[in-house]
């Protein structure tokens, strides 16, 4: 089951990275009156999509692990 742990670890790292990107962009918008709003919106949207993609990876990994356990039982 080591490959499954790797998948979850990679997805977790992706969740953390997308959260950090979103937070950094939100702070720039809140603190800098001259922030490039269109660019920050794109950054926040891509971070949000990356987050959703990593959640999907985790859900798929969970389903795969369940399938393997169902086969073994």
PDB file of N, CA and C in Angstrom:
ATOM      1  N   UNK A   1       0.824  -1.193   0.000  1.00  0.00           N
ATOM      2  CA  UNK A   1       0.000   0.000   0.000  1.00  0.00           C
ATOM      3  C   UNK A   1       0.868   1.256   0.000  1.00  0.00           C
ATOM      4  N   UNK A   2       2.150   1.134  -0.149  1.00  0.00           N
ATOM      5  CA  UNK A   2       3.051   2.296  -0.169  1.00  0.00           C
ATOM      6  C   UNK A   2       2.724   3.274  -1.296  1.00  0.00           C
ATOM      7  N   UNK A   3       2.413   2.818  -2.529  1.00  0.00           N
ATOM      8  CA  UNK A   3       2.081   3.780  -3.579  1.00  0.00           C
ATOM      9  C   UNK A   3       0.870   4.641  -3.226  1.00  0.00           C
ATOM     10  N   UNK A   4      -0.118   4.065  -2.536  1.00  0.00           N
ATOM     11  CA  UNK A   4      -1.305   4.826  -2.154  1.00  0.00           C
ATOM     12  C   UNK A   4      -0.921   5.931  -1.169  1.00  0.00           C
ATOM     13  N   UNK A   5      -0.011   5.611  -0.250  1.00  0.00           N
ATOM     14  CA  UNK A   5       0.455   6.631   0.694  1.00  0.00           C
ATOM     15  C   UNK A   5       1.161   7.756  -0.036  1.00  0.00           C
ATOM     16  N   UNK A   6       1.913   7.411  -1.084  1.00  0.00           N
ATOM     17  CA  UNK A   6       2.600   8.431  -1.871  1.00  0.00           C
ATOM     18  C   UNK A   6       1.592   9.343  -2.565  1.00  0.00           C
ATOM     19  N   UNK A   7       0.543   8.756  -3.091  1.00  0.00           N
ATOM     20  CA  UNK A   7      -0.487   9.541  -3.769  1.00  0.00           C
ATOM     21  C   UNK A   7      -1.125  10.517  -2.794  1.00  0.00           C
ATOM     22  N   UNK A   8      -1.477  10.033  -1.623  1.00  0.00           N
ATOM     23  CA  UNK A   8      -2.105  10.893  -0.615  1.00  0.00           C
ATOM     24  C   UNK A   8      -1.124  11.963  -0.153  1.00  0.00           C
ATOM     25  N   UNK A   9       0.133  11.616  -0.002  1.00  0.00           N
ATOM     26  CA  UNK A   9       1.139  12.604   0.406  1.00  0.00           C
ATOM     27  C   UNK A   9       1.306  13.698  -0.640  1.00  0.00           C
ATOM     28  N   UNK A  10       1.332  13.307  -1.891  1.00  0.00           N
ATOM     29  CA  UNK A  10       1.463  14.284  -2.973  1.00  0.00           C
ATOM     30  C   UNK A  10       0.235  15.182  -3.022  1.00  0.00           C
ATOM     31  N   UNK A  11      -0.956  14.590  -2.883  1.00  0.00           N
ATOM     32  CA  UNK A  11      -2.183  15.382  -2.888  1.00  0.00           C
ATOM     33  C   UNK A  11      -2.224  16.335  -1.703  1.00  0.00           C
ATOM     34  N   UNK A  12      -1.780  15.874  -0.550  1.00  0.00           N
ATOM     35  CA  UNK A  12      -1.735  16.739   0.638  1.00  0.00           C
ATOM     36  C   UNK A  12      -0.785  17.904   0.417  1.00  0.00           C
ATOM     37  N   UNK A  13       0.368  17.628  -0.166  1.00  0.00           N
ATOM     38  CA  UNK A  13       1.311  18.710  -0.469  1.00  0.00           C
ATOM     39  C   UNK A  13       0.689  19.701  -1.451  1.00  0.00           C
ATOM     40  N   UNK A  14      -0.058  19.194  -2.422  1.00  0.00           N
ATOM     41  CA  UNK A  14      -0.745  20.064  -3.368  1.00  0.00           C
ATOM     42  C   UNK A  14      -1.801  20.923  -2.694  1.00  0.00           C
ATOM     43  N   UNK A  15      -2.536  20.329  -1.742  1.00  0.00           N
ATOM     44  CA  UNK A  15      -3.526  21.102  -0.983  1.00  0.00           C
ATOM     45  C   UNK A  15      -2.849  22.231  -0.208  1.00  0.00           C
ATOM     46  N   UNK A  16      -1.754  21.904   0.434  1.00  0.00           N
ATOM     47  CA  UNK A  16      -1.028  22.916   1.206  1.00  0.00           C
ATOM     48  C   UNK A  16      -0.491  24.025   0.307  1.00  0.00           C
ATOM     49  N   UNK A  17       0.048  23.653  -0.848  1.00  0.00           N
ATOM     50  CA  UNK A  17       0.610  24.644  -1.772  1.00  0.00           C
ATOM     51  C   UNK A  17      -0.479  25.555  -2.336  1.00  0.00           C
ATOM     52  N   UNK A  18      -1.619  24.977  -2.711  1.00  0.00           N
ATOM     53  CA  UNK A  18      -2.692  25.808  -3.275  1.00  0.00           C
ATOM     54  C   UNK A  18      -3.294  26.719  -2.216  1.00  0.00           C
ATOM     55  N   UNK A  19      -3.387  26.231  -0.989  1.00  0.00           N
ATOM     56  CA  UNK A  19      -3.879  27.072   0.107  1.00  0.00           C
ATOM     57  C   UNK A  19      -2.923  28.233   0.355  1.00  0.00           C
ATOM     58  N   UNK A  20      -1.634  27.959   0.349  1.00  0.00           N
ATOM     59  CA  UNK A  20      -0.638  29.015   0.571  1.00  0.00           C
ATOM     60  C   UNK A  20      -0.689  30.058  -0.546  1.00  0.00           C
ATOM     61  N   UNK A  21      -0.842  29.602  -1.807  1.00  0.00           N
ATOM     62  CA  UNK A  21      -0.935  30.550  -2.930  1.00  0.00           C
ATOM     63  C   UNK A  21      -2.171  31.431  -2.812  1.00  0.00           C
ATOM     64  N   UNK A  22      -3.294  30.814  -2.459  1.00  0.00           N
ATOM     65  CA  UNK A  22      -4.535  31.570  -2.314  1.00  0.00           C
ATOM     66  C   UNK A  22      -4.407  32.588  -1.181  1.00  0.00           C
ATOM     67  N   UNK A  23      -3.887  32.155  -0.043  1.00  0.00           N
ATOM     68  CA  UNK A  23      -3.730  33.049   1.107  1.00  0.00           C
ATOM     69  C   UNK A  23      -2.796  34.216   0.800  1.00  0.00           C
ATOM     70  N   UNK A  24      -1.684  33.934   0.136  1.00  0.00           N
ATOM     71  CA  UNK A  24      -0.731  34.985  -0.210  1.00  0.00           C
ATOM     72  C   UNK A  24      -1.371  36.009  -1.146  1.00  0.00           C
ATOM     73  N   UNK A  25      -2.145  35.537  -2.105  1.00  0.00           N
ATOM     74  CA  UNK A  25      -2.827  36.433  -3.033  1.00  0.00           C
ATOM     75  C   UNK A  25      -3.864  37.274  -2.298  1.00  0.00           C
ATOM     76  N   UNK A  26      -4.630  36.651  -1.425  1.00  0.00           N
ATOM     77  CA  UNK A  26      -5.649  37.384  -0.665  1.00  0.00           C
ATOM     78  C   UNK A  26      -5.011  38.463   0.210  1.00  0.00           C
ATOM     79  N   UNK A  27      -3.874  38.156   0.814  1.00  0.00           N
ATOM     80  CA  UNK A  27      -3.171  39.148   1.632  1.00  0.00           C
ATOM     81  C   UNK A  27      -2.677  40.316   0.788  1.00  0.00           C
ATOM     82  N   UNK A  28      -2.166  40.003  -0.413  1.00  0.00           N
ATOM     83  CA  UNK A  28      -1.716  41.087  -1.289  1.00  0.00           C
ATOM     84  C   UNK A  28      -2.872  42.016  -1.649  1.00  0.00           C
ATOM     85  N   UNK A  29      -4.030  41.433  -1.957  1.00  0.00           N
ATOM     86  CA  UNK A  29      -5.202  42.232  -2.322  1.00  0.00           C
ATOM     87  C   UNK A  29      -5.648  43.087  -1.139  1.00  0.00           C
ATOM     88  N   UNK A  30      -5.645  42.493   0.051  1.00  0.00           N
ATOM     89  CA  UNK A  30      -6.115  43.210   1.236  1.00  0.00           C
ATOM     90  C   UNK A  30      -5.150  44.306   1.686  1.00  0.00           C
ATOM     91  N   UNK A  31      -3.861  44.102   1.483  1.00  0.00           N
ATOM     92  CA  UNK A  31      -2.869  45.027   2.039  1.00  0.00           C
ATOM     93  C   UNK A  31      -2.319  46.037   1.036  1.00  0.00           C
ATOM     94  N   UNK A  32      -2.390  45.730  -0.244  1.00  0.00           N
ATOM     95  CA  UNK A  32      -1.785  46.609  -1.249  1.00  0.00           C
ATOM     96  C   UNK A  32      -2.879  47.283  -2.082  1.00  0.00           C
ATOM     97  N   UNK A  33      -3.069  48.588  -1.895  1.00  0.00           N
ATOM     98  CA  UNK A  33      -4.113  49.264  -2.671  1.00  0.00           C
ATOM     99  C   UNK A  33      -3.818  49.295  -4.167  1.00  0.00           C
ATOM    100  N   UNK A  34      -2.583  49.006  -4.543  1.00  0.00           N
ATOM    101  CA  UNK A  34      -2.195  49.012  -5.963  1.00  0.00           C
ATOM    102  C   UNK A  34      -2.013  47.594  -6.509  1.00  0.00           C
ATOM    103  N   UNK A  35      -2.583  46.625  -5.823  1.00  0.00           N
ATOM    104  CA  UNK A  35      -2.450  45.233  -6.274  1.00  0.00           C
ATOM    105  C   UNK A  35      -3.088  45.076  -7.652  1.00  0.00           C
ATOM    106  N   UNK A  36      -2.513  44.200  -8.436  1.00  0.00           N
ATOM    107  CA  UNK A  36      -3.034  43.895  -9.772  1.00  0.00           C
ATOM    108  C   UNK A  36      -4.221  42.949  -9.606  1.00  0.00           C
ATOM    109  N   UNK A  37      -5.420  43.518  -9.479  1.00  0.00           N
ATOM    110  CA  UNK A  37      -6.599  42.714  -9.159  1.00  0.00           C
ATOM    111  C   UNK A  37      -6.904  41.616 -10.181  1.00  0.00           C
ATOM    112  N   UNK A  38      -6.831  41.892 -11.481  1.00  0.00           N
ATOM    113  CA  UNK A  38      -7.093  40.780 -12.423  1.00  0.00           C
ATOM    114  C   UNK A  38      -6.100  39.623 -12.262  1.00  0.00           C
ATOM    115  N   UNK A  39      -4.833  39.943 -12.071  1.00  0.00           N
ATOM    116  CA  UNK A  39      -3.830  38.889 -11.891  1.00  0.00           C
ATOM    117  C   UNK A  39      -4.067  38.126 -10.594  1.00  0.00           C
ATOM    118  N   UNK A  40      -4.441  38.840  -9.545  1.00  0.00           N
ATOM    119  CA  UNK A  40      -4.709  38.182  -8.262  1.00  0.00           C
ATOM    120  C   UNK A  40      -5.955  37.303  -8.356  1.00  0.00           C
ATOM    121  N   UNK A  41      -6.949  37.741  -9.110  1.00  0.00           N
ATOM    122  CA  UNK A  41      -8.145  36.919  -9.305  1.00  0.00           C
ATOM    123  C   UNK A  41      -7.789  35.621 -10.028  1.00  0.00           C
ATOM    124  N   UNK A  42      -6.943  35.725 -11.037  1.00  0.00           N
ATOM    125  CA  UNK A  42      -6.493  34.520 -11.754  1.00  0.00           C
ATOM    126  C   UNK A  42      -5.722  33.604 -10.807  1.00  0.00           C
ATOM    127  N   UNK A  43      -4.845  34.185  -9.998  1.00  0.00           N
ATOM    128  CA  UNK A  43      -4.072  33.396  -9.030  1.00  0.00           C
ATOM    129  C   UNK A  43      -5.001  32.680  -8.059  1.00  0.00           C
ATOM    130  N   UNK A  44      -5.998  33.399  -7.550  1.00  0.00           N
ATOM    131  CA  UNK A  44      -6.924  32.792  -6.596  1.00  0.00           C
ATOM    132  C   UNK A  44      -7.780  31.709  -7.253  1.00  0.00           C
ATOM    133  N   UNK A  45      -8.216  31.948  -8.469  1.00  0.00           N
ATOM    134  CA  UNK A  45      -9.037  30.952  -9.171  1.00  0.00           C
ATOM    135  C   UNK A  45      -8.230  29.692  -9.473  1.00  0.00           C
ATOM    136  N   UNK A  46      -6.991  29.853  -9.939  1.00  0.00           N
ATOM    137  CA  UNK A  46      -6.175  28.664 -10.228  1.00  0.00           C
ATOM    138  C   UNK A  46      -5.826  27.918  -8.946  1.00  0.00           C
ATOM    139  N   UNK A  47      -5.593  28.653  -7.860  1.00  0.00           N
ATOM    140  CA  UNK A  47      -5.324  27.995  -6.578  1.00  0.00           C
ATOM    141  C   UNK A  47      -6.550  27.201  -6.129  1.00  0.00           C
ATOM    142  N   UNK A  48      -7.727  27.772  -6.336  1.00  0.00           N
ATOM    143  CA  UNK A  48      -8.967  27.090  -5.975  1.00  0.00           C
ATOM    144  C   UNK A  48      -9.165  25.823  -6.814  1.00  0.00           C
ATOM    145  N   UNK A  49      -8.907  25.925  -8.115  1.00  0.00           N
ATOM    146  CA  UNK A  49      -9.031  24.754  -8.993  1.00  0.00           C
ATOM    147  C   UNK A  49      -8.003  23.684  -8.643  1.00  0.00           C
ATOM    148  N   UNK A  50      -6.775  24.116  -8.309  1.00  0.00           N
ATOM    149  CA  UNK A  50      -5.746  23.159  -7.886  1.00  0.00           C
ATOM    150  C   UNK A  50      -6.180  22.433  -6.618  1.00  0.00           C
ATOM    151  N   UNK A  51      -6.772  23.183  -5.680  1.00  0.00           N
ATOM    152  CA  UNK A  51      -7.252  22.597  -4.436  1.00  0.00           C
ATOM    153  C   UNK A  51      -8.309  21.530  -4.738  1.00  0.00           C
ATOM    154  N   UNK A  52      -9.278  21.881  -5.586  1.00  0.00           N
ATOM    155  CA  UNK A  52     -10.329  20.938  -5.950  1.00  0.00           C
ATOM    156  C   UNK A  52      -9.768  19.697  -6.643  1.00  0.00           C
ATOM    157  N   UNK A  53      -8.772  19.878  -7.489  1.00  0.00           N
ATOM    158  CA  UNK A  53      -8.159  18.743  -8.175  1.00  0.00           C
ATOM    159  C   UNK A  53      -7.474  17.810  -7.185  1.00  0.00           C
ATOM    160  N   UNK A  54      -6.801  18.368  -6.203  1.00  0.00           N
ATOM    161  CA  UNK A  54      -6.131  17.538  -5.206  1.00  0.00           C
ATOM    162  C   UNK A  54      -7.130  16.813  -4.313  1.00  0.00           C
ATOM    163  N   UNK A  55      -8.259  17.440  -4.030  1.00  0.00           N
ATOM    164  CA  UNK A  55      -9.326  16.751  -3.296  1.00  0.00           C
ATOM    165  C   UNK A  55      -9.831  15.568  -4.119  1.00  0.00           C
ATOM    166  N   UNK A  56     -10.000  15.777  -5.416  1.00  0.00           N
ATOM    167  CA  UNK A  56     -10.452  14.689  -6.292  1.00  0.00           C
ATOM    168  C   UNK A  56      -9.447  13.543  -6.293  1.00  0.00           C
ATOM    169  N   UNK A  57      -8.168  13.851  -6.285  1.00  0.00           N
ATOM    170  CA  UNK A  57      -7.132  12.810  -6.224  1.00  0.00           C
ATOM    171  C   UNK A  57      -7.272  12.013  -4.933  1.00  0.00           C
ATOM    172  N   UNK A  58      -7.484  12.717  -3.824  1.00  0.00           N
ATOM    173  CA  UNK A  58      -7.620  12.022  -2.536  1.00  0.00           C
ATOM    174  C   UNK A  58      -8.872  11.136  -2.518  1.00  0.00           C
ATOM    175  N   UNK A  59      -9.969  11.631  -3.081  1.00  0.00           N
ATOM    176  CA  UNK A  59     -11.191  10.828  -3.135  1.00  0.00           C
ATOM    177  C   UNK A  59     -10.989   9.586  -3.997  1.00  0.00           C
ATOM    178  N   UNK A  60     -10.312   9.759  -5.122  1.00  0.00           N
ATOM    179  CA  UNK A  60     -10.052   8.622  -6.005  1.00  0.00           C
ATOM    180  C   UNK A  60      -9.140   7.606  -5.328  1.00  0.00           C
ATOM    181  N   UNK A  61      -8.111   8.077  -4.645  1.00  0.00           N
ATOM    182  CA  UNK A  61      -7.209   7.175  -3.922  1.00  0.00           C
ATOM    183  C   UNK A  61      -7.976   6.401  -2.856  1.00  0.00           C
ATOM    184  N   UNK A  62      -8.887   7.074  -2.185  1.00  0.00           N
ATOM    185  CA  UNK A  62      -9.702   6.420  -1.167  1.00  0.00           C
ATOM    186  C   UNK A  62     -10.589   5.331  -1.785  1.00  0.00           C
ATOM    187  N   UNK A  63     -11.203   5.646  -2.922  1.00  0.00           N
ATOM    188  CA  UNK A  63     -12.040   4.661  -3.612  1.00  0.00           C
ATOM    189  C   UNK A  63     -11.211   3.467  -4.077  1.00  0.00           C
ATOM    190  N   UNK A  64     -10.008   3.736  -4.572  1.00  0.00           N
ATOM    191  CA  UNK A  64      -9.136   2.650  -5.030  1.00  0.00           C
ATOM    192  C   UNK A  64      -8.744   1.749  -3.864  1.00  0.00           C
ATOM    193  N   UNK A  65      -8.395   2.356  -2.734  1.00  0.00           N
ATOM    194  CA  UNK A  65      -8.015   1.569  -1.564  1.00  0.00           C
ATOM    195  C   UNK A  65      -9.193   0.721  -1.096  1.00  0.00           C
ATOM    196  N   UNK A  66     -10.387   1.300  -1.107  1.00  0.00           N
ATOM    197  CA  UNK A  66     -11.579   0.542  -0.719  1.00  0.00           C
ATOM    198  C   UNK A  66     -11.815  -0.624  -1.675  1.00  0.00           C
ATOM    199  N   UNK A  67     -11.631  -0.392  -2.969  1.00  0.00           N
ATOM    200  CA  UNK A  67     -11.815  -1.458  -3.951  1.00  0.00           C
ATOM    201  C   UNK A  67     -10.838  -2.601  -3.712  1.00  0.00           C
ATOM    202  N   UNK A  68      -9.608  -2.257  -3.422  1.00  0.00           N
ATOM    203  CA  UNK A  68      -8.592  -3.283  -3.161  1.00  0.00           C
ATOM    204  C   UNK A  68      -8.985  -4.093  -1.925  1.00  0.00           C
ATOM    205  N   UNK A  69      -9.424  -3.400  -0.890  1.00  0.00           N
ATOM    206  CA  UNK A  69      -9.839  -4.105   0.327  1.00  0.00           C
ATOM    207  C   UNK A  69     -11.058  -4.987   0.071  1.00  0.00           C
ATOM    208  N   UNK A  70     -11.991  -4.501  -0.754  1.00  0.00           N
ATOM    209  CA  UNK A  70     -13.163  -5.313  -1.091  1.00  0.00           C
ATOM    210  C   UNK A  70     -12.770  -6.570  -1.847  1.00  0.00           C
ATOM    211  N   UNK A  71     -11.790  -6.462  -2.725  1.00  0.00           N
ATOM    212  CA  UNK A  71     -11.324  -7.613  -3.490  1.00  0.00           C
ATOM    213  C   UNK A  71     -10.637  -8.622  -2.566  1.00  0.00           C
ATOM    214  N   UNK A  72      -9.881  -8.124  -1.610  1.00  0.00           N
ATOM    215  CA  UNK A  72      -9.134  -9.004  -0.722  1.00  0.00           C
ATOM    216  C   UNK A  72     -10.028  -9.700   0.303  1.00  0.00           C
ATOM    217  N   UNK A  73     -11.184  -9.148   0.550  1.00  0.00           N
ATOM    218  CA  UNK A  73     -12.068  -9.739   1.584  1.00  0.00           C
ATOM    219  C   UNK A  73     -12.992 -10.732   1.018  1.00  0.00           C
TER     220      UNK A  73
END
